[in-house]
Amino acid sequence: MGLRGTQVAAEAADLVLKDDSFASVVQAIRQGRVIFENIHKFVVFLLSCNLSEIFVVALAGIIGLGSPLLPLQILFVNIVTDVFPALAPGVGRENGELMKSPPRAPNSPLLSGPDWRQVVFYAVVIAMAVLGSYAYSCWQWGYTAAQGSTLAFYALCCTQLLHVFNMYSSKRASLFINEITRNRYVWLALLLCVGLLLLTYYVPFLQTALSIQPIQEKALLLLIGSGVFPVVVVWISRQLQSIWQA
């Protein structure tokens, strides 16, 4: 006890309660789990987003689709649209089930084997959405390489922005009501990133720097579809996994 205990006892103890309340131990455990969970979401989000970019570039070269993304476009995505949605879950609240889970082993890694498989799965789904949009625009609409690169850039931004809605960890939460959708910072981050993307399309300086080409209005539906695709696929996979475990 920090108030009633002696100084010698406090120095020899592994844990000192400053307010002499055992309820503080529960609150400390709760806060520690929230911090760990938020860090975990941050790392998984960034790793899956960056790995998806590697998959897009690598798979496009392997199957002969050319270069759907330019270096400056990838840099813009990493600096802007990856950062704010990744930070937003880091200040979110708990999912309501953290205190029901068993304690972690002190020597366990931040990402376990299933976490790494989840990261790869996220990255593959995002890459499929981006490459599918790029290939469809070039083959069906006759887009040039420059126009296709523009569409792939915005498709990647849309998929990664909406990918933040895959970061909810509660197994009982729905797709529309969870700790991510209730986090106002997530919505603020999305609004900020959408505004920045609009600037890249309408500001001449940014258009030139990122090699942005005019695209048709119907491409907006394709971009929305590419962004929603990973969210739907991940939700279906979670439902199947829960049925399998049941």
C-alpha atoms as a PDB file:
ATOM      1  CA  MET A   1       0.000   0.000   0.000  1.00  0.00           C
ATOM      2  CA  GLY A   2       1.396   3.352  -1.000  1.00  0.00           C
ATOM      3  CA  LEU A   3      -0.412   5.401   1.644  1.00  0.00           C
ATOM      4  CA  ARG A   4      -0.516   3.127   4.685  1.00  0.00           C
ATOM      5  CA  GLY A   5       2.450   0.911   3.867  1.00  0.00           C
ATOM      6  CA  THR A   6       5.926   1.620   5.122  1.00  0.00           C
ATOM      7  CA  GLN A   7       8.674   2.904   2.846  1.00  0.00           C
ATOM      8  CA  VAL A   8      10.622  -0.316   3.285  1.00  0.00           C
ATOM      9  CA  ALA A   9       7.630  -2.410   2.230  1.00  0.00           C
ATOM     10  CA  ALA A  10       7.040  -0.173  -0.794  1.00  0.00           C
ATOM     11  CA  GLU A  11      10.661  -0.503  -1.917  1.00  0.00           C
ATOM     12  CA  ALA A  12      10.555  -4.290  -1.585  1.00  0.00           C
ATOM     13  CA  ALA A  13       7.177  -4.713  -3.286  1.00  0.00           C
ATOM     14  CA  ASP A  14       6.634  -5.562  -6.956  1.00  0.00           C
ATOM     15  CA  LEU A  15       3.468  -3.488  -7.069  1.00  0.00           C
ATOM     16  CA  VAL A  16       2.586  -0.363  -5.061  1.00  0.00           C
ATOM     17  CA  LEU A  17      -0.996   0.926  -4.904  1.00  0.00           C
ATOM     18  CA  LYS A  18      -0.764   4.690  -4.601  1.00  0.00           C
ATOM     19  CA  ASP A  19      -4.414   5.071  -3.591  1.00  0.00           C
ATOM     20  CA  ASP A  20      -4.545   1.903  -1.444  1.00  0.00           C
ATOM     21  CA  SER A  21      -7.484   0.618  -3.526  1.00  0.00           C
ATOM     22  CA  PHE A  22      -7.422  -2.882  -4.974  1.00  0.00           C
ATOM     23  CA  ALA A  23      -9.865  -1.699  -7.654  1.00  0.00           C
ATOM     24  CA  SER A  24      -6.929   0.216  -9.153  1.00  0.00           C
ATOM     25  CA  VAL A  25      -5.337  -3.108 -10.089  1.00  0.00           C
ATOM     26  CA  VAL A  26      -8.340  -3.967 -12.259  1.00  0.00           C
ATOM     27  CA  GLN A  27      -8.274  -0.543 -13.890  1.00  0.00           C
ATOM     28  CA  ALA A  28      -4.551  -0.830 -14.552  1.00  0.00           C
ATOM     29  CA  ILE A  29      -5.011  -4.231 -16.202  1.00  0.00           C
ATOM     30  CA  ARG A  30      -7.885  -2.893 -18.268  1.00  0.00           C
ATOM     31  CA  GLN A  31      -5.897   0.125 -19.441  1.00  0.00           C
ATOM     32  CA  GLY A  32      -2.882  -2.025 -20.230  1.00  0.00           C
ATOM     33  CA  ARG A  33      -4.968  -4.346 -22.366  1.00  0.00           C
ATOM     34  CA  VAL A  34      -6.534  -1.414 -24.199  1.00  0.00           C
ATOM     35  CA  ILE A  35      -3.092   0.026 -24.973  1.00  0.00           C
ATOM     36  CA  PHE A  36      -1.807  -3.331 -26.205  1.00  0.00           C
ATOM     37  CA  GLU A  37      -4.907  -3.893 -28.346  1.00  0.00           C
ATOM     38  CA  ASN A  38      -4.592  -0.448 -29.939  1.00  0.00           C
ATOM     39  CA  ILE A  39      -0.910  -1.001 -30.702  1.00  0.00           C
ATOM     40  CA  HIS A  40      -1.789  -4.384 -32.181  1.00  0.00           C
ATOM     41  CA  LYS A  41      -4.400  -2.816 -34.479  1.00  0.00           C
ATOM     42  CA  PHE A  42      -1.950  -0.113 -35.535  1.00  0.00           C
ATOM     43  CA  VAL A  43       0.744  -2.628 -36.475  1.00  0.00           C
ATOM     44  CA  VAL A  44      -1.622  -5.010 -38.274  1.00  0.00           C
ATOM     45  CA  PHE A  45      -3.154  -2.170 -40.274  1.00  0.00           C
ATOM     46  CA  LEU A  46       0.167  -0.714 -41.415  1.00  0.00           C
ATOM     47  CA  LEU A  47       1.750  -4.077 -42.180  1.00  0.00           C
ATOM     48  CA  SER A  48      -1.203  -5.260 -44.244  1.00  0.00           C
ATOM     49  CA  CYS A  49      -1.404  -1.957 -46.142  1.00  0.00           C
ATOM     50  CA  ASN A  50       2.293  -1.861 -46.968  1.00  0.00           C
ATOM     51  CA  LEU A  51       2.372  -5.548 -47.882  1.00  0.00           C
ATOM     52  CA  SER A  52      -0.587  -5.008 -50.211  1.00  0.00           C
ATOM     53  CA  GLU A  53       1.414  -2.386 -52.103  1.00  0.00           C
ATOM     54  CA  ILE A  54       4.247  -4.876 -52.558  1.00  0.00           C
ATOM     55  CA  PHE A  55       1.768  -7.464 -53.833  1.00  0.00           C
ATOM     56  CA  VAL A  56       0.209  -5.000 -56.283  1.00  0.00           C
ATOM     57  CA  VAL A  57       3.529  -4.045 -57.840  1.00  0.00           C
ATOM     58  CA  ALA A  58       4.953  -7.583 -57.815  1.00  0.00           C
ATOM     59  CA  LEU A  59       1.853  -9.367 -59.134  1.00  0.00           C
ATOM     60  CA  ALA A  60       1.305  -6.757 -61.827  1.00  0.00           C
ATOM     61  CA  GLY A  61       4.825  -7.387 -63.113  1.00  0.00           C
ATOM     62  CA  ILE A  62       4.444 -11.168 -62.926  1.00  0.00           C
ATOM     63  CA  ILE A  63       1.188 -11.340 -64.888  1.00  0.00           C
ATOM     64  CA  GLY A  64       2.240  -8.621 -67.337  1.00  0.00           C
ATOM     65  CA  LEU A  65      -0.004  -5.731 -66.287  1.00  0.00           C
ATOM     66  CA  GLY A  66       2.817  -3.202 -66.326  1.00  0.00           C
ATOM     67  CA  SER A  67       3.318  -0.699 -63.503  1.00  0.00           C
ATOM     68  CA  PRO A  68      -0.044   0.235 -61.970  1.00  0.00           C
ATOM     69  CA  LEU A  69       1.529   2.461 -59.305  1.00  0.00           C
ATOM     70  CA  LEU A  70       4.207   5.122 -59.634  1.00  0.00           C
ATOM     71  CA  PRO A  71       6.854   5.706 -56.927  1.00  0.00           C
ATOM     72  CA  LEU A  72       5.496   9.106 -55.876  1.00  0.00           C
ATOM     73  CA  GLN A  73       1.988   7.709 -55.678  1.00  0.00           C
ATOM     74  CA  ILE A  74       3.139   4.942 -53.338  1.00  0.00           C
ATOM     75  CA  LEU A  75       5.024   7.505 -51.262  1.00  0.00           C
ATOM     76  CA  PHE A  76       1.912   9.676 -51.010  1.00  0.00           C
ATOM     77  CA  VAL A  77      -0.145   6.697 -49.856  1.00  0.00           C
ATOM     78  CA  ASN A  78       2.419   5.753 -47.203  1.00  0.00           C
ATOM     79  CA  ILE A  79       2.765   9.290 -45.862  1.00  0.00           C
ATOM     80  CA  VAL A  80      -0.859  10.436 -45.965  1.00  0.00           C
ATOM     81  CA  THR A  81      -3.603   7.861 -46.380  1.00  0.00           C
ATOM     82  CA  ASP A  82      -1.858   5.154 -44.334  1.00  0.00           C
ATOM     83  CA  VAL A  83      -0.933   7.291 -41.352  1.00  0.00           C
ATOM     84  CA  PHE A  84      -4.144   8.944 -40.186  1.00  0.00           C
ATOM     85  CA  PRO A  85      -6.442   5.879 -40.344  1.00  0.00           C
ATOM     86  CA  ALA A  86      -3.728   3.863 -38.585  1.00  0.00           C
ATOM     87  CA  LEU A  87      -3.411   6.381 -35.756  1.00  0.00           C
ATOM     88  CA  ALA A  88      -7.157   6.708 -35.209  1.00  0.00           C
ATOM     89  CA  PRO A  89      -7.728   3.200 -33.749  1.00  0.00           C
ATOM     90  CA  GLY A  90      -4.802   3.877 -31.420  1.00  0.00           C
ATOM     91  CA  VAL A  91      -6.917   6.312 -29.439  1.00  0.00           C
ATOM     92  CA  GLY A  92     -10.061   4.183 -29.492  1.00  0.00           C
ATOM     93  CA  ARG A  93     -11.902   2.627 -26.583  1.00  0.00           C
ATOM     94  CA  GLU A  94     -11.996  -1.019 -25.599  1.00  0.00           C
ATOM     95  CA  ASN A  95     -14.292  -3.478 -27.328  1.00  0.00           C
ATOM     96  CA  GLY A  96     -15.989  -4.626 -24.130  1.00  0.00           C
ATOM     97  CA  GLU A  97     -14.539  -8.139 -24.220  1.00  0.00           C
ATOM     98  CA  LEU A  98     -10.907  -7.490 -23.285  1.00  0.00           C
ATOM     99  CA  MET A  99     -11.387  -8.262 -19.610  1.00  0.00           C
ATOM    100  CA  LYS A 100     -13.046 -11.580 -20.446  1.00  0.00           C
ATOM    101  CA  SER A 101     -10.040 -12.951 -22.314  1.00  0.00           C
ATOM    102  CA  PRO A 102      -7.263 -14.851 -20.490  1.00  0.00           C
ATOM    103  CA  PRO A 103      -3.988 -13.048 -19.748  1.00  0.00           C
ATOM    104  CA  ARG A 104      -1.207 -13.074 -22.325  1.00  0.00           C
ATOM    105  CA  ALA A 105       2.100 -14.744 -21.636  1.00  0.00           C
ATOM    106  CA  PRO A 106       4.719 -12.075 -20.776  1.00  0.00           C
ATOM    107  CA  ASN A 107       7.141 -13.435 -23.374  1.00  0.00           C
ATOM    108  CA  SER A 108       4.586 -13.733 -26.200  1.00  0.00           C
ATOM    109  CA  PRO A 109       5.307 -11.645 -29.339  1.00  0.00           C
ATOM    110  CA  LEU A 110       3.226  -8.700 -30.450  1.00  0.00           C
ATOM    111  CA  LEU A 111       2.095 -10.635 -33.527  1.00  0.00           C
ATOM    112  CA  SER A 112       1.540 -14.372 -33.295  1.00  0.00           C
ATOM    113  CA  GLY A 113       1.336 -16.865 -36.154  1.00  0.00           C
ATOM    114  CA  PRO A 114      -2.403 -16.313 -36.746  1.00  0.00           C
ATOM    115  CA  ASP A 115      -1.804 -12.558 -36.744  1.00  0.00           C
ATOM    116  CA  TRP A 116       0.796 -12.862 -39.514  1.00  0.00           C
ATOM    117  CA  ARG A 117      -1.545 -15.040 -41.555  1.00  0.00           C
ATOM    118  CA  GLN A 118      -4.229 -12.430 -41.052  1.00  0.00           C
ATOM    119  CA  VAL A 119      -1.885  -9.695 -42.276  1.00  0.00           C
ATOM    120  CA  VAL A 120      -1.073 -11.653 -45.430  1.00  0.00           C
ATOM    121  CA  PHE A 121      -4.759 -12.382 -46.030  1.00  0.00           C
ATOM    122  CA  TYR A 122      -5.651  -8.694 -45.695  1.00  0.00           C
ATOM    123  CA  ALA A 123      -2.847  -7.725 -48.086  1.00  0.00           C
ATOM    124  CA  VAL A 124      -3.873 -10.296 -50.697  1.00  0.00           C
ATOM    125  CA  VAL A 125      -7.509  -9.172 -50.663  1.00  0.00           C
ATOM    126  CA  ILE A 126      -6.539  -5.500 -50.992  1.00  0.00           C
ATOM    127  CA  ALA A 127      -4.138  -6.296 -53.841  1.00  0.00           C
ATOM    128  CA  MET A 128      -6.855  -8.282 -55.633  1.00  0.00           C
ATOM    129  CA  ALA A 129      -9.238  -5.332 -55.414  1.00  0.00           C
ATOM    130  CA  VAL A 130      -6.675  -2.864 -56.752  1.00  0.00           C
ATOM    131  CA  LEU A 131      -5.388  -5.084 -59.559  1.00  0.00           C
ATOM    132  CA  GLY A 132      -8.937  -6.045 -60.515  1.00  0.00           C
ATOM    133  CA  SER A 133      -9.938  -2.393 -60.842  1.00  0.00           C
ATOM    134  CA  TYR A 134      -6.786  -1.582 -62.797  1.00  0.00           C
ATOM    135  CA  ALA A 135      -7.190  -4.502 -65.204  1.00  0.00           C
ATOM    136  CA  TYR A 136     -10.898  -3.844 -65.727  1.00  0.00           C
ATOM    137  CA  SER A 137     -10.340  -0.174 -66.551  1.00  0.00           C
ATOM    138  CA  CYS A 138      -7.602  -0.998 -69.075  1.00  0.00           C
ATOM    139  CA  TRP A 139      -9.279  -3.994 -70.733  1.00  0.00           C
ATOM    140  CA  GLN A 140     -12.930  -2.954 -70.676  1.00  0.00           C
ATOM    141  CA  TRP A 141     -12.760   0.826 -70.822  1.00  0.00           C
ATOM    142  CA  GLY A 142      -9.615   1.140 -72.890  1.00  0.00           C
ATOM    143  CA  TYR A 143      -7.768   3.261 -70.351  1.00  0.00           C
ATOM    144  CA  THR A 144      -4.200   4.211 -71.179  1.00  0.00           C
ATOM    145  CA  ALA A 145      -1.378   3.232 -68.851  1.00  0.00           C
ATOM    146  CA  ALA A 146      -1.437   6.714 -67.295  1.00  0.00           C
ATOM    147  CA  GLN A 147      -5.198   6.651 -66.738  1.00  0.00           C
ATOM    148  CA  GLY A 148      -5.015   3.118 -65.366  1.00  0.00           C
ATOM    149  CA  SER A 149      -2.269   4.193 -62.981  1.00  0.00           C
ATOM    150  CA  THR A 150      -4.474   7.029 -61.744  1.00  0.00           C
ATOM    151  CA  LEU A 151      -7.375   4.667 -61.146  1.00  0.00           C
ATOM    152  CA  ALA A 152      -5.115   2.122 -59.406  1.00  0.00           C
ATOM    153  CA  PHE A 153      -3.776   4.893 -57.158  1.00  0.00           C
ATOM    154  CA  TYR A 154      -7.237   5.953 -56.051  1.00  0.00           C
ATOM    155  CA  ALA A 155      -8.372   2.329 -55.760  1.00  0.00           C
ATOM    156  CA  LEU A 156      -5.460   1.620 -53.437  1.00  0.00           C
ATOM    157  CA  CYS A 157      -6.340   4.678 -51.362  1.00  0.00           C
ATOM    158  CA  CYS A 158     -10.004   3.634 -51.118  1.00  0.00           C
ATOM    159  CA  THR A 159      -9.214   0.055 -50.145  1.00  0.00           C
ATOM    160  CA  GLN A 160      -6.726   1.086 -47.492  1.00  0.00           C
ATOM    161  CA  LEU A 161      -8.975   3.779 -46.049  1.00  0.00           C
ATOM    162  CA  LEU A 162     -11.921   1.407 -45.700  1.00  0.00           C
ATOM    163  CA  HIS A 163      -9.586  -1.340 -44.495  1.00  0.00           C
ATOM    164  CA  VAL A 164      -9.631   0.373 -41.110  1.00  0.00           C
ATOM    165  CA  PHE A 165     -13.136  -1.064 -40.621  1.00  0.00           C
ATOM    166  CA  ASN A 166     -11.568  -4.536 -40.614  1.00  0.00           C
ATOM    167  CA  MET A 167      -9.632  -3.689 -37.458  1.00  0.00           C
ATOM    168  CA  TYR A 168     -12.406  -4.402 -34.952  1.00  0.00           C
ATOM    169  CA  SER A 169     -11.435  -7.227 -32.624  1.00  0.00           C
ATOM    170  CA  SER A 170     -14.708  -7.997 -30.871  1.00  0.00           C
ATOM    171  CA  LYS A 171     -16.022 -11.375 -32.001  1.00  0.00           C
ATOM    172  CA  ARG A 172     -19.598 -10.528 -31.079  1.00  0.00           C
ATOM    173  CA  ALA A 173     -19.704  -7.095 -32.698  1.00  0.00           C
ATOM    174  CA  SER A 174     -21.440  -6.517 -36.011  1.00  0.00           C
ATOM    175  CA  LEU A 175     -19.850  -5.019 -39.082  1.00  0.00           C
ATOM    176  CA  PHE A 176     -21.614  -1.700 -38.542  1.00  0.00           C
ATOM    177  CA  ILE A 177     -21.526  -1.430 -34.741  1.00  0.00           C
ATOM    178  CA  ASN A 178     -18.129  -2.051 -33.164  1.00  0.00           C
ATOM    179  CA  GLU A 179     -15.285  -0.206 -31.487  1.00  0.00           C
ATOM    180  CA  ILE A 180     -14.039   1.114 -34.849  1.00  0.00           C
ATOM    181  CA  THR A 181     -17.328   2.568 -36.089  1.00  0.00           C
ATOM    182  CA  ARG A 182     -17.893   4.148 -32.666  1.00  0.00           C
ATOM    183  CA  ASN A 183     -14.500   5.837 -32.780  1.00  0.00           C
ATOM    184  CA  ARG A 184     -14.992   9.432 -33.910  1.00  0.00           C
ATOM    185  CA  TYR A 185     -11.298   9.803 -34.692  1.00  0.00           C
ATOM    186  CA  VAL A 186     -11.634   7.136 -37.385  1.00  0.00           C
ATOM    187  CA  TRP A 187     -14.308   9.165 -39.137  1.00  0.00           C
ATOM    188  CA  LEU A 188     -12.305  12.370 -38.792  1.00  0.00           C
ATOM    189  CA  ALA A 189      -9.259  10.630 -40.265  1.00  0.00           C
ATOM    190  CA  LEU A 190     -11.305   9.352 -43.206  1.00  0.00           C
ATOM    191  CA  LEU A 191     -12.754  12.795 -43.888  1.00  0.00           C
ATOM    192  CA  LEU A 192      -9.288  14.324 -43.781  1.00  0.00           C
ATOM    193  CA  CYS A 193      -7.875  11.734 -46.185  1.00  0.00           C
ATOM    194  CA  VAL A 194     -10.801  12.095 -48.593  1.00  0.00           C
ATOM    195  CA  GLY A 195     -10.202  15.836 -48.636  1.00  0.00           C
ATOM    196  CA  LEU A 196      -6.531  15.311 -49.407  1.00  0.00           C
ATOM    197  CA  LEU A 197      -7.389  12.912 -52.225  1.00  0.00           C
ATOM    198  CA  LEU A 198      -9.731  15.481 -53.722  1.00  0.00           C
ATOM    199  CA  LEU A 199      -6.890  17.987 -53.656  1.00  0.00           C
ATOM    200  CA  THR A 200      -4.669  15.591 -55.595  1.00  0.00           C
ATOM    201  CA  TYR A 201      -7.270  15.440 -58.350  1.00  0.00           C
ATOM    202  CA  TYR A 202      -8.178  19.115 -58.595  1.00  0.00           C
ATOM    203  CA  VAL A 203      -4.989  21.001 -57.645  1.00  0.00           C
ATOM    204  CA  PRO A 204      -2.732  21.331 -60.728  1.00  0.00           C
ATOM    205  CA  PHE A 205       0.521  21.110 -58.770  1.00  0.00           C
ATOM    206  CA  LEU A 206      -0.470  17.846 -57.123  1.00  0.00           C
ATOM    207  CA  GLN A 207      -1.840  16.530 -60.410  1.00  0.00           C
ATOM    208  CA  THR A 208       1.545  17.028 -62.043  1.00  0.00           C
ATOM    209  CA  ALA A 209       3.553  15.675 -59.112  1.00  0.00           C
ATOM    210  CA  LEU A 210       1.482  12.486 -58.856  1.00  0.00           C
ATOM    211  CA  SER A 211       0.864  12.100 -62.615  1.00  0.00           C
ATOM    212  CA  ILE A 212      -2.890  12.227 -62.117  1.00  0.00           C
ATOM    213  CA  GLN A 213      -4.954  11.884 -65.299  1.00  0.00           C
ATOM    214  CA  PRO A 214      -8.661  12.699 -65.753  1.00  0.00           C
ATOM    215  CA  ILE A 215     -10.883   9.653 -65.357  1.00  0.00           C
ATOM    216  CA  GLN A 216     -14.538   9.101 -66.153  1.00  0.00           C
ATOM    217  CA  GLU A 217     -17.298   9.630 -63.613  1.00  0.00           C
ATOM    218  CA  LYS A 218     -18.304   5.981 -63.857  1.00  0.00           C
ATOM    219  CA  ALA A 219     -14.899   5.124 -62.387  1.00  0.00           C
ATOM    220  CA  LEU A 220     -16.214   6.377 -59.042  1.00  0.00           C
ATOM    221  CA  LEU A 221     -18.430   3.306 -58.736  1.00  0.00           C
ATOM    222  CA  LEU A 222     -15.458   1.085 -59.495  1.00  0.00           C
ATOM    223  CA  LEU A 223     -13.414   2.839 -56.811  1.00  0.00           C
ATOM    224  CA  ILE A 224     -16.187   2.462 -54.245  1.00  0.00           C
ATOM    225  CA  GLY A 225     -16.547  -1.198 -55.163  1.00  0.00           C
ATOM    226  CA  SER A 226     -12.815  -1.802 -54.802  1.00  0.00           C
ATOM    227  CA  GLY A 227     -12.880  -0.170 -51.364  1.00  0.00           C
ATOM    228  CA  VAL A 228     -15.879  -2.150 -50.142  1.00  0.00           C
ATOM    229  CA  PHE A 229     -14.612  -5.471 -51.549  1.00  0.00           C
ATOM    230  CA  PRO A 230     -11.977  -6.167 -48.826  1.00  0.00           C
ATOM    231  CA  VAL A 231     -14.408  -5.238 -46.048  1.00  0.00           C
ATOM    232  CA  VAL A 232     -17.036  -7.658 -47.358  1.00  0.00           C
ATOM    233  CA  VAL A 233     -14.542 -10.466 -47.972  1.00  0.00           C
ATOM    234  CA  VAL A 234     -13.031 -10.126 -44.497  1.00  0.00           C
ATOM    235  CA  TRP A 235     -16.483 -10.061 -42.900  1.00  0.00           C
ATOM    236  CA  ILE A 236     -17.494 -13.227 -44.753  1.00  0.00           C
ATOM    237  CA  SER A 237     -14.259 -14.946 -43.738  1.00  0.00           C
ATOM    238  CA  ARG A 238     -14.908 -14.069 -40.095  1.00  0.00           C
ATOM    239  CA  GLN A 239     -18.427 -15.447 -40.272  1.00  0.00           C
ATOM    240  CA  LEU A 240     -17.171 -18.690 -41.782  1.00  0.00           C
ATOM    241  CA  GLN A 241     -14.444 -18.915 -39.171  1.00  0.00           C
ATOM    242  CA  SER A 242     -16.923 -18.432 -36.329  1.00  0.00           C
ATOM    243  CA  ILE A 243     -19.189 -21.144 -37.796  1.00  0.00           C
ATOM    244  CA  TRP A 244     -16.226 -23.490 -38.152  1.00  0.00           C
ATOM    245  CA  GLN A 245     -15.110 -22.920 -34.559  1.00  0.00           C
ATOM    246  CA  ALA A 246     -18.657 -23.403 -33.265  1.00  0.00           C
END
